[in-house]
């Protein structure tokens, strides 16, 4: 919820208290022209997750909403990912296919995790570079193809049903084929 605490007929702080009483997990951002330290502290103590003073850049509001959404999805943090007979334990960093342990290098693990979190969706080389390597895509590099090849060798080689597929001109997809 995004709440201006200086509402015309309602006290925004009371509204936040009421929201918290009914749904304590709902993310709340206060927008306010009040910018004193006391006002900010009161807003946060009453139950707001963030406090943004006016005027503000719209891009900043969007960034704060996205950050809050990441932190408060309301869902418990998942510790296991499963696609077909491939499982990944994020706590122990173990990967198994049909119960057989597969040893992966840290970057291979990160790449497989990204593919598993996006199972059934095509992910481009650019997306992989940005999410797994944390930098912008360089069209001259073949690092993604190399890592995908190594991952296929470890994940798919000994199995009839392949999970890692190339979508020509688009990227890669992790899915079980019928």
N, C-alpha and C. Protein backbone atom coordinates (compact mmCIF):
# COMPACT_ATOMS: atom_id res chain seq x y z
N UNK A 1 0.84 -1.17 0.00
CA UNK A 1 0.00 0.00 0.00
C UNK A 1 0.89 1.23 0.00
N UNK A 2 0.50 2.21 -0.77
CA UNK A 2 1.19 3.50 -0.79
C UNK A 2 0.23 4.51 -0.19
N UNK A 3 0.63 5.12 0.90
CA UNK A 3 -0.29 5.97 1.66
C UNK A 3 0.32 7.35 1.88
N UNK A 4 -0.47 8.36 1.54
CA UNK A 4 -0.10 9.74 1.89
C UNK A 4 -0.68 9.96 3.28
N UNK A 5 0.17 10.28 4.24
CA UNK A 5 -0.33 10.38 5.63
C UNK A 5 -1.13 11.65 5.87
N UNK A 6 -1.13 12.58 4.92
CA UNK A 6 -1.92 13.80 5.08
C UNK A 6 -3.17 13.73 4.19
N UNK A 7 -3.99 12.72 4.43
CA UNK A 7 -5.21 12.55 3.67
C UNK A 7 -6.25 13.58 4.13
N UNK A 8 -7.16 13.99 3.23
CA UNK A 8 -8.10 15.06 3.58
C UNK A 8 -9.06 14.70 4.73
N UNK A 9 -9.63 13.50 4.74
CA UNK A 9 -10.62 13.17 5.76
C UNK A 9 -10.19 12.04 6.67
N UNK A 10 -8.97 11.58 6.52
CA UNK A 10 -8.53 10.43 7.30
C UNK A 10 -7.07 10.60 7.66
N UNK A 11 -6.74 10.25 8.87
CA UNK A 11 -5.34 10.29 9.31
C UNK A 11 -4.63 9.08 8.73
N UNK A 12 -3.61 9.32 7.92
CA UNK A 12 -2.87 8.25 7.27
C UNK A 12 -2.23 7.29 8.25
N UNK A 13 -1.75 7.80 9.39
CA UNK A 13 -1.13 6.93 10.39
C UNK A 13 -2.15 5.97 10.99
N UNK A 14 -3.38 6.46 11.20
CA UNK A 14 -4.45 5.57 11.70
C UNK A 14 -4.78 4.50 10.67
N UNK A 15 -4.76 4.89 9.40
CA UNK A 15 -5.03 3.94 8.33
C UNK A 15 -3.97 2.83 8.32
N UNK A 16 -2.71 3.20 8.53
CA UNK A 16 -1.63 2.21 8.56
C UNK A 16 -1.83 1.26 9.74
N UNK A 17 -2.19 1.81 10.91
CA UNK A 17 -2.45 0.96 12.09
C UNK A 17 -3.55 -0.04 11.78
N UNK A 18 -4.61 0.43 11.14
CA UNK A 18 -5.75 -0.43 10.79
C UNK A 18 -5.33 -1.50 9.78
N UNK A 19 -4.57 -1.10 8.77
CA UNK A 19 -4.06 -2.07 7.79
C UNK A 19 -3.23 -3.15 8.47
N UNK A 20 -2.35 -2.74 9.36
CA UNK A 20 -1.47 -3.69 10.06
C UNK A 20 -2.27 -4.64 10.94
N UNK A 21 -3.37 -4.13 11.51
CA UNK A 21 -4.20 -4.98 12.37
C UNK A 21 -4.85 -6.10 11.55
N UNK A 22 -5.28 -5.77 10.34
CA UNK A 22 -5.96 -6.75 9.49
C UNK A 22 -4.99 -7.60 8.66
N UNK A 23 -3.89 -7.01 8.23
CA UNK A 23 -2.92 -7.74 7.41
C UNK A 23 -1.51 -7.26 7.74
N UNK A 24 -0.89 -7.88 8.73
CA UNK A 24 0.43 -7.42 9.17
C UNK A 24 1.53 -7.57 8.12
N UNK A 25 1.30 -8.37 7.08
CA UNK A 25 2.34 -8.60 6.08
C UNK A 25 2.27 -7.67 4.87
N UNK A 26 1.24 -6.85 4.79
CA UNK A 26 1.11 -5.98 3.62
C UNK A 26 2.23 -4.92 3.63
N UNK A 27 2.94 -4.79 2.52
CA UNK A 27 3.99 -3.77 2.46
C UNK A 27 3.37 -2.37 2.42
N UNK A 28 3.97 -1.43 3.14
CA UNK A 28 3.44 -0.07 3.22
C UNK A 28 4.56 0.94 2.97
N UNK A 29 4.30 1.87 2.06
CA UNK A 29 5.20 2.99 1.82
C UNK A 29 4.43 4.27 2.11
N UNK A 30 5.01 5.13 2.93
CA UNK A 30 4.41 6.44 3.21
C UNK A 30 4.98 7.45 2.23
N UNK A 31 4.06 8.24 1.65
CA UNK A 31 4.44 9.42 0.87
C UNK A 31 4.00 10.62 1.69
N UNK A 32 4.88 11.58 1.89
CA UNK A 32 4.50 12.70 2.73
C UNK A 32 5.34 13.94 2.44
N UNK A 33 4.70 15.09 2.63
CA UNK A 33 5.42 16.36 2.55
C UNK A 33 6.13 16.63 3.87
N UNK A 34 5.75 15.89 4.91
CA UNK A 34 6.40 16.03 6.21
C UNK A 34 7.76 15.36 6.14
N UNK A 35 8.81 16.15 6.39
CA UNK A 35 10.14 15.60 6.20
C UNK A 35 11.03 15.66 7.42
N UNK A 36 10.47 16.04 8.57
CA UNK A 36 11.31 16.10 9.77
C UNK A 36 11.67 14.69 10.22
N UNK A 37 12.77 14.58 10.94
CA UNK A 37 13.21 13.29 11.44
C UNK A 37 12.14 12.65 12.32
N UNK A 38 11.48 13.46 13.16
CA UNK A 38 10.42 12.93 14.03
C UNK A 38 9.27 12.34 13.22
N UNK A 39 8.89 13.01 12.12
CA UNK A 39 7.80 12.51 11.28
C UNK A 39 8.18 11.18 10.63
N UNK A 40 9.41 11.10 10.13
CA UNK A 40 9.88 9.87 9.48
C UNK A 40 9.92 8.73 10.50
N UNK A 41 10.49 8.99 11.67
CA UNK A 41 10.58 7.95 12.71
C UNK A 41 9.19 7.51 13.14
N UNK A 42 8.27 8.45 13.34
CA UNK A 42 6.89 8.09 13.73
C UNK A 42 6.25 7.21 12.66
N UNK A 43 6.41 7.58 11.40
CA UNK A 43 5.83 6.80 10.31
C UNK A 43 6.37 5.38 10.27
N UNK A 44 7.67 5.23 10.48
CA UNK A 44 8.27 3.90 10.47
C UNK A 44 7.88 3.10 11.71
N UNK A 45 7.80 3.76 12.86
CA UNK A 45 7.42 3.07 14.09
C UNK A 45 5.97 2.63 14.07
N UNK A 46 5.11 3.38 13.39
CA UNK A 46 3.69 3.05 13.34
C UNK A 46 3.43 1.81 12.48
N UNK A 47 4.42 1.47 11.60
CA UNK A 47 4.26 0.26 10.82
C UNK A 47 4.58 0.37 9.34
N UNK A 48 5.03 1.53 8.90
CA UNK A 48 5.41 1.67 7.50
C UNK A 48 6.74 0.97 7.24
N UNK A 49 6.90 0.43 6.05
CA UNK A 49 8.16 -0.22 5.67
C UNK A 49 9.14 0.77 5.06
N UNK A 50 8.62 1.87 4.53
CA UNK A 50 9.47 2.88 3.90
C UNK A 50 8.76 4.22 4.00
N UNK A 51 9.53 5.29 3.87
CA UNK A 51 9.00 6.65 4.00
C UNK A 51 9.68 7.49 2.93
N UNK A 52 8.88 8.06 2.05
CA UNK A 52 9.41 8.84 0.94
C UNK A 52 8.83 10.25 1.03
N UNK A 53 9.71 11.25 1.05
CA UNK A 53 9.23 12.63 1.18
C UNK A 53 9.03 13.27 -0.18
N UNK A 54 8.01 14.13 -0.24
CA UNK A 54 7.70 14.88 -1.46
C UNK A 54 8.57 16.12 -1.50
N UNK A 55 8.95 16.58 -2.65
CA UNK A 55 8.80 15.94 -3.95
C UNK A 55 9.80 14.80 -4.11
N UNK A 56 9.47 13.85 -4.97
CA UNK A 56 10.35 12.71 -5.21
C UNK A 56 10.31 12.37 -6.69
N UNK A 57 11.33 11.70 -7.13
CA UNK A 57 11.37 11.25 -8.53
C UNK A 57 10.54 9.97 -8.64
N UNK A 58 9.73 9.89 -9.68
CA UNK A 58 8.88 8.71 -9.87
C UNK A 58 9.73 7.45 -9.96
N UNK A 59 10.90 7.54 -10.58
CA UNK A 59 11.80 6.38 -10.69
C UNK A 59 12.21 5.88 -9.31
N UNK A 60 12.39 6.80 -8.36
CA UNK A 60 12.75 6.39 -7.00
C UNK A 60 11.59 5.62 -6.35
N UNK A 61 10.37 6.10 -6.55
CA UNK A 61 9.21 5.39 -6.00
C UNK A 61 9.12 3.98 -6.58
N UNK A 62 9.29 3.85 -7.88
CA UNK A 62 9.24 2.54 -8.52
C UNK A 62 10.33 1.63 -7.95
N UNK A 63 11.54 2.15 -7.79
CA UNK A 63 12.65 1.35 -7.25
C UNK A 63 12.34 0.90 -5.83
N UNK A 64 11.75 1.78 -5.03
CA UNK A 64 11.41 1.41 -3.64
C UNK A 64 10.30 0.36 -3.61
N UNK A 65 9.33 0.48 -4.51
CA UNK A 65 8.26 -0.52 -4.60
C UNK A 65 8.85 -1.88 -4.97
N UNK A 66 9.74 -1.89 -5.95
CA UNK A 66 10.35 -3.15 -6.37
C UNK A 66 11.20 -3.76 -5.26
N UNK A 67 11.94 -2.94 -4.54
CA UNK A 67 12.76 -3.45 -3.43
C UNK A 67 11.87 -4.04 -2.34
N UNK A 68 10.78 -3.36 -2.04
CA UNK A 68 9.86 -3.84 -1.01
C UNK A 68 9.18 -5.14 -1.46
N UNK A 69 8.84 -5.22 -2.73
CA UNK A 69 8.21 -6.44 -3.25
C UNK A 69 9.16 -7.63 -3.15
N UNK A 70 10.45 -7.39 -3.40
CA UNK A 70 11.43 -8.48 -3.28
C UNK A 70 11.53 -8.97 -1.85
N UNK A 71 11.50 -8.04 -0.90
CA UNK A 71 11.67 -8.41 0.50
C UNK A 71 10.41 -9.01 1.12
N UNK A 72 9.26 -8.61 0.63
CA UNK A 72 8.04 -9.00 1.33
C UNK A 72 7.04 -9.68 0.42
N UNK A 73 7.48 -10.71 -0.26
CA UNK A 73 6.57 -11.42 -1.15
C UNK A 73 5.48 -12.15 -0.38
N UNK A 74 5.67 -12.30 0.93
CA UNK A 74 4.69 -12.99 1.74
C UNK A 74 4.83 -14.50 1.67
N UNK A 75 5.70 -14.96 0.80
CA UNK A 75 5.92 -16.39 0.66
C UNK A 75 7.21 -16.77 1.37
N UNK A 76 7.25 -17.93 1.98
CA UNK A 76 8.50 -18.33 2.61
C UNK A 76 9.59 -18.52 1.57
N UNK A 77 10.79 -18.21 1.95
CA UNK A 77 11.94 -18.39 1.06
C UNK A 77 12.06 -19.87 0.70
N UNK A 78 12.10 -20.15 -0.58
CA UNK A 78 12.20 -21.54 -1.00
C UNK A 78 13.64 -22.03 -0.82
N UNK A 79 13.77 -23.27 -0.42
CA UNK A 79 15.11 -23.84 -0.22
C UNK A 79 15.38 -24.97 -1.21
N UNK A 80 14.34 -25.42 -1.92
CA UNK A 80 14.50 -26.50 -2.90
C UNK A 80 13.82 -26.10 -4.21
N UNK A 81 14.48 -26.41 -5.30
CA UNK A 81 13.90 -26.22 -6.62
C UNK A 81 13.83 -27.59 -7.29
N UNK A 82 12.75 -27.84 -8.01
CA UNK A 82 12.59 -29.13 -8.68
C UNK A 82 12.02 -28.91 -10.08
N UNK A 83 12.65 -29.53 -11.05
CA UNK A 83 12.14 -29.58 -12.43
C UNK A 83 12.31 -31.02 -12.88
N UNK A 84 11.19 -31.66 -13.15
CA UNK A 84 11.19 -33.08 -13.53
C UNK A 84 11.94 -33.86 -12.44
N UNK A 85 12.97 -34.61 -12.82
CA UNK A 85 13.71 -35.41 -11.83
C UNK A 85 15.02 -34.72 -11.40
N UNK A 86 15.09 -33.42 -11.63
CA UNK A 86 16.25 -32.61 -11.24
C UNK A 86 15.89 -31.80 -10.00
N UNK A 87 16.69 -31.94 -8.95
CA UNK A 87 16.43 -31.19 -7.72
C UNK A 87 17.67 -30.40 -7.32
N UNK A 88 17.41 -29.26 -6.69
CA UNK A 88 18.48 -28.39 -6.21
C UNK A 88 18.15 -27.98 -4.78
N UNK A 89 19.08 -28.21 -3.87
CA UNK A 89 18.95 -27.77 -2.49
C UNK A 89 19.79 -26.51 -2.35
N UNK A 90 19.13 -25.37 -2.14
CA UNK A 90 19.84 -24.10 -2.08
C UNK A 90 20.66 -23.93 -0.81
N UNK A 91 20.28 -24.64 0.25
CA UNK A 91 21.04 -24.54 1.50
C UNK A 91 22.33 -25.34 1.45
N UNK A 92 22.24 -26.57 0.99
CA UNK A 92 23.43 -27.43 0.95
C UNK A 92 24.18 -27.30 -0.38
N UNK A 93 23.54 -26.64 -1.35
CA UNK A 93 24.11 -26.44 -2.70
C UNK A 93 24.34 -27.78 -3.40
N UNK A 94 23.43 -28.71 -3.16
CA UNK A 94 23.49 -30.02 -3.82
C UNK A 94 22.49 -30.07 -4.96
N UNK A 95 22.93 -30.67 -6.05
CA UNK A 95 22.07 -30.88 -7.22
C UNK A 95 22.03 -32.38 -7.48
N UNK A 96 20.82 -32.89 -7.69
CA UNK A 96 20.66 -34.31 -7.98
C UNK A 96 19.72 -34.48 -9.16
N UNK A 97 20.03 -35.49 -9.97
CA UNK A 97 19.11 -35.88 -11.03
C UNK A 97 18.83 -37.36 -10.84
N UNK A 98 17.57 -37.69 -10.69
CA UNK A 98 17.15 -39.06 -10.38
C UNK A 98 17.92 -39.60 -9.18
N UNK A 99 18.13 -38.75 -8.19
CA UNK A 99 18.79 -39.16 -6.95
C UNK A 99 20.31 -39.19 -7.03
N UNK A 100 20.88 -39.00 -8.22
CA UNK A 100 22.33 -39.04 -8.39
C UNK A 100 22.91 -37.64 -8.19
N UNK A 101 23.88 -37.52 -7.29
CA UNK A 101 24.52 -36.24 -6.98
C UNK A 101 25.36 -35.77 -8.17
N UNK A 102 25.20 -34.49 -8.51
CA UNK A 102 25.94 -33.88 -9.62
C UNK A 102 26.78 -32.74 -9.07
N UNK A 103 28.08 -32.83 -9.26
CA UNK A 103 28.98 -31.77 -8.79
C UNK A 103 29.03 -30.61 -9.77
N UNK A 104 28.79 -29.40 -9.26
CA UNK A 104 28.81 -28.21 -10.12
C UNK A 104 29.77 -27.17 -9.56
N UNK A 105 30.39 -26.43 -10.46
CA UNK A 105 31.19 -25.27 -10.08
C UNK A 105 30.23 -24.16 -9.64
N UNK A 106 30.69 -23.19 -8.85
CA UNK A 106 29.80 -22.13 -8.36
C UNK A 106 29.02 -21.41 -9.47
N UNK A 107 29.66 -21.08 -10.58
CA UNK A 107 28.97 -20.37 -11.66
C UNK A 107 27.97 -21.30 -12.35
N UNK A 108 28.29 -22.58 -12.47
CA UNK A 108 27.34 -23.54 -13.04
C UNK A 108 26.12 -23.67 -12.15
N UNK A 109 26.35 -23.68 -10.84
CA UNK A 109 25.25 -23.76 -9.88
C UNK A 109 24.34 -22.53 -10.05
N UNK A 110 24.94 -21.34 -10.13
CA UNK A 110 24.16 -20.11 -10.29
C UNK A 110 23.37 -20.12 -11.60
N UNK A 111 23.99 -20.60 -12.66
CA UNK A 111 23.32 -20.68 -13.96
C UNK A 111 22.14 -21.66 -13.90
N UNK A 112 22.37 -22.83 -13.32
CA UNK A 112 21.29 -23.81 -13.20
C UNK A 112 20.17 -23.28 -12.31
N UNK A 113 20.53 -22.61 -11.23
CA UNK A 113 19.50 -22.03 -10.35
C UNK A 113 18.64 -21.04 -11.13
N UNK A 114 19.27 -20.19 -11.93
CA UNK A 114 18.52 -19.22 -12.73
C UNK A 114 17.60 -19.93 -13.73
N UNK A 115 18.11 -20.96 -14.39
CA UNK A 115 17.27 -21.72 -15.32
C UNK A 115 16.11 -22.40 -14.60
N UNK A 116 16.38 -22.95 -13.42
CA UNK A 116 15.32 -23.65 -12.67
C UNK A 116 14.27 -22.67 -12.16
N UNK A 117 14.69 -21.50 -11.73
CA UNK A 117 13.72 -20.50 -11.26
C UNK A 117 12.86 -19.98 -12.41
N UNK A 118 13.35 -20.13 -13.62
CA UNK A 118 12.61 -19.70 -14.81
C UNK A 118 12.20 -20.89 -15.67
N UNK A 119 12.04 -22.04 -15.07
CA UNK A 119 11.69 -23.27 -15.80
C UNK A 119 10.44 -23.05 -16.65
N UNK A 120 10.52 -23.55 -17.88
CA UNK A 120 9.39 -23.42 -18.79
C UNK A 120 9.35 -22.10 -19.53
N UNK A 121 10.30 -21.20 -19.23
CA UNK A 121 10.37 -19.89 -19.90
C UNK A 121 11.69 -19.79 -20.64
N UNK A 122 11.66 -19.18 -21.80
CA UNK A 122 12.89 -18.94 -22.55
C UNK A 122 13.63 -17.78 -21.89
N UNK A 123 14.93 -18.00 -21.61
CA UNK A 123 15.77 -16.92 -21.09
C UNK A 123 16.87 -16.64 -22.11
N UNK A 124 17.04 -15.38 -22.42
CA UNK A 124 18.02 -14.99 -23.43
C UNK A 124 19.43 -14.99 -22.84
N UNK A 125 20.41 -14.95 -23.73
CA UNK A 125 21.81 -14.85 -23.28
C UNK A 125 22.01 -13.56 -22.49
N UNK A 126 21.36 -12.49 -22.92
CA UNK A 126 21.48 -11.21 -22.21
C UNK A 126 20.95 -11.35 -20.79
N UNK A 127 19.79 -11.97 -20.63
CA UNK A 127 19.21 -12.16 -19.30
C UNK A 127 20.14 -12.99 -18.42
N UNK A 128 20.70 -14.04 -18.99
CA UNK A 128 21.62 -14.90 -18.23
C UNK A 128 22.84 -14.10 -17.79
N UNK A 129 23.43 -13.33 -18.71
CA UNK A 129 24.61 -12.52 -18.36
C UNK A 129 24.29 -11.54 -17.23
N UNK A 130 23.13 -10.90 -17.31
CA UNK A 130 22.77 -9.91 -16.30
C UNK A 130 22.47 -10.53 -14.95
N UNK A 131 21.87 -11.71 -14.93
CA UNK A 131 21.47 -12.32 -13.66
C UNK A 131 22.51 -13.26 -13.06
N UNK A 132 23.27 -13.92 -13.89
CA UNK A 132 24.25 -14.89 -13.38
C UNK A 132 25.63 -14.27 -13.24
N UNK A 133 25.99 -13.39 -14.19
CA UNK A 133 27.32 -12.78 -14.14
C UNK A 133 27.27 -11.34 -13.63
N UNK A 134 26.07 -10.78 -13.48
CA UNK A 134 25.89 -9.41 -12.98
C UNK A 134 26.58 -8.34 -13.82
N UNK A 135 26.62 -8.54 -15.12
CA UNK A 135 27.08 -7.45 -15.97
C UNK A 135 26.40 -7.51 -17.32
N UNK A 136 26.51 -6.40 -18.03
CA UNK A 136 25.81 -6.28 -19.31
C UNK A 136 26.38 -7.24 -20.34
N UNK A 137 25.54 -7.62 -21.24
CA UNK A 137 25.88 -8.61 -22.25
C UNK A 137 26.90 -8.07 -23.25
N UNK A 138 27.91 -8.85 -23.51
CA UNK A 138 28.90 -8.54 -24.54
C UNK A 138 28.66 -9.53 -25.68
N UNK A 139 28.20 -9.05 -26.84
CA UNK A 139 27.86 -9.97 -27.93
C UNK A 139 29.05 -10.77 -28.45
N UNK A 140 30.27 -10.35 -28.13
CA UNK A 140 31.46 -11.04 -28.61
C UNK A 140 31.83 -12.25 -27.76
N UNK A 141 31.26 -12.36 -26.57
CA UNK A 141 31.65 -13.45 -25.67
C UNK A 141 30.81 -14.70 -25.91
N UNK A 142 31.42 -15.85 -25.69
CA UNK A 142 30.68 -17.10 -25.80
C UNK A 142 30.62 -17.80 -24.44
N UNK A 143 30.77 -17.03 -23.37
CA UNK A 143 30.80 -17.60 -22.02
C UNK A 143 29.49 -18.33 -21.70
N UNK A 144 28.36 -17.80 -22.15
CA UNK A 144 27.08 -18.46 -21.86
C UNK A 144 27.01 -19.81 -22.57
N UNK A 145 27.36 -19.83 -23.86
CA UNK A 145 27.33 -21.09 -24.61
C UNK A 145 28.26 -22.13 -23.98
N UNK A 146 29.43 -21.68 -23.55
CA UNK A 146 30.40 -22.59 -22.93
C UNK A 146 29.84 -23.19 -21.64
N UNK A 147 29.27 -22.33 -20.79
CA UNK A 147 28.72 -22.83 -19.51
C UNK A 147 27.49 -23.71 -19.73
N UNK A 148 26.65 -23.35 -20.69
CA UNK A 148 25.48 -24.18 -21.00
C UNK A 148 25.95 -25.55 -21.47
N UNK A 149 26.97 -25.59 -22.31
CA UNK A 149 27.51 -26.86 -22.80
C UNK A 149 28.01 -27.72 -21.64
N UNK A 150 28.75 -27.12 -20.72
CA UNK A 150 29.25 -27.87 -19.56
C UNK A 150 28.11 -28.35 -18.68
N UNK A 151 27.10 -27.48 -18.52
CA UNK A 151 25.95 -27.85 -17.70
C UNK A 151 25.17 -29.00 -18.34
N UNK A 152 24.99 -28.95 -19.66
CA UNK A 152 24.32 -30.04 -20.37
C UNK A 152 25.08 -31.35 -20.18
N UNK A 153 26.40 -31.26 -20.25
CA UNK A 153 27.23 -32.44 -20.09
C UNK A 153 27.00 -33.08 -18.72
N UNK A 154 26.82 -32.26 -17.71
CA UNK A 154 26.63 -32.78 -16.36
C UNK A 154 25.18 -33.16 -16.06
N UNK A 155 24.24 -32.40 -16.59
CA UNK A 155 22.83 -32.60 -16.26
C UNK A 155 22.14 -33.60 -17.19
N UNK A 156 22.42 -33.51 -18.48
CA UNK A 156 21.65 -34.28 -19.47
C UNK A 156 22.36 -35.50 -20.07
N UNK A 157 23.66 -35.53 -20.04
CA UNK A 157 24.42 -36.55 -20.80
C UNK A 157 23.95 -37.98 -20.55
N UNK A 158 23.77 -38.37 -19.31
CA UNK A 158 23.44 -39.76 -18.98
C UNK A 158 21.95 -40.05 -18.93
N UNK A 159 21.13 -39.14 -19.45
CA UNK A 159 19.69 -39.32 -19.36
C UNK A 159 19.04 -39.23 -20.73
N UNK A 160 18.04 -40.07 -20.94
CA UNK A 160 17.34 -40.08 -22.22
C UNK A 160 16.59 -38.77 -22.44
N UNK A 161 15.87 -38.32 -21.40
CA UNK A 161 15.11 -37.08 -21.52
C UNK A 161 16.00 -35.90 -21.17
N UNK A 162 16.18 -35.01 -22.13
CA UNK A 162 17.02 -33.83 -21.94
C UNK A 162 16.18 -32.72 -21.31
N UNK A 163 16.81 -31.93 -20.46
CA UNK A 163 16.11 -30.83 -19.79
C UNK A 163 16.51 -29.46 -20.32
N UNK A 164 17.76 -29.30 -20.73
CA UNK A 164 18.24 -28.00 -21.19
C UNK A 164 18.14 -27.95 -22.71
N UNK A 165 17.37 -26.99 -23.21
CA UNK A 165 17.10 -26.89 -24.65
C UNK A 165 17.49 -25.51 -25.16
N UNK A 166 17.97 -25.48 -26.40
CA UNK A 166 18.26 -24.22 -27.08
C UNK A 166 17.03 -23.82 -27.88
N UNK A 167 16.63 -22.57 -27.76
CA UNK A 167 15.56 -22.02 -28.59
C UNK A 167 16.26 -21.08 -29.57
N UNK A 168 16.40 -21.55 -30.78
CA UNK A 168 17.21 -20.86 -31.79
C UNK A 168 16.81 -19.39 -31.92
N UNK A 169 17.81 -18.53 -31.80
CA UNK A 169 17.59 -17.09 -31.94
C UNK A 169 16.97 -16.42 -30.73
N UNK A 170 16.66 -17.21 -29.69
CA UNK A 170 15.99 -16.62 -28.52
C UNK A 170 16.75 -16.86 -27.22
N UNK A 171 17.29 -18.06 -27.03
CA UNK A 171 17.98 -18.34 -25.77
C UNK A 171 17.88 -19.79 -25.38
N UNK A 172 17.61 -20.02 -24.11
CA UNK A 172 17.58 -21.37 -23.56
C UNK A 172 16.34 -21.54 -22.70
N UNK A 173 15.93 -22.81 -22.57
CA UNK A 173 14.79 -23.13 -21.72
C UNK A 173 15.08 -24.44 -21.00
N UNK A 174 14.69 -24.48 -19.74
CA UNK A 174 14.81 -25.71 -18.95
C UNK A 174 13.41 -26.27 -18.80
N UNK A 175 13.19 -27.44 -19.38
CA UNK A 175 11.88 -28.09 -19.29
C UNK A 175 12.02 -29.55 -19.65
N UNK A 176 11.06 -30.32 -19.17
CA UNK A 176 11.02 -31.74 -19.51
C UNK A 176 10.26 -31.87 -20.82
N UNK A 177 10.83 -32.63 -21.74
CA UNK A 177 10.12 -32.87 -23.00
C UNK A 177 9.36 -34.17 -22.89
N UNK A 178 8.19 -34.23 -23.53
CA UNK A 178 7.38 -35.45 -23.43
C UNK A 178 8.02 -36.64 -24.11
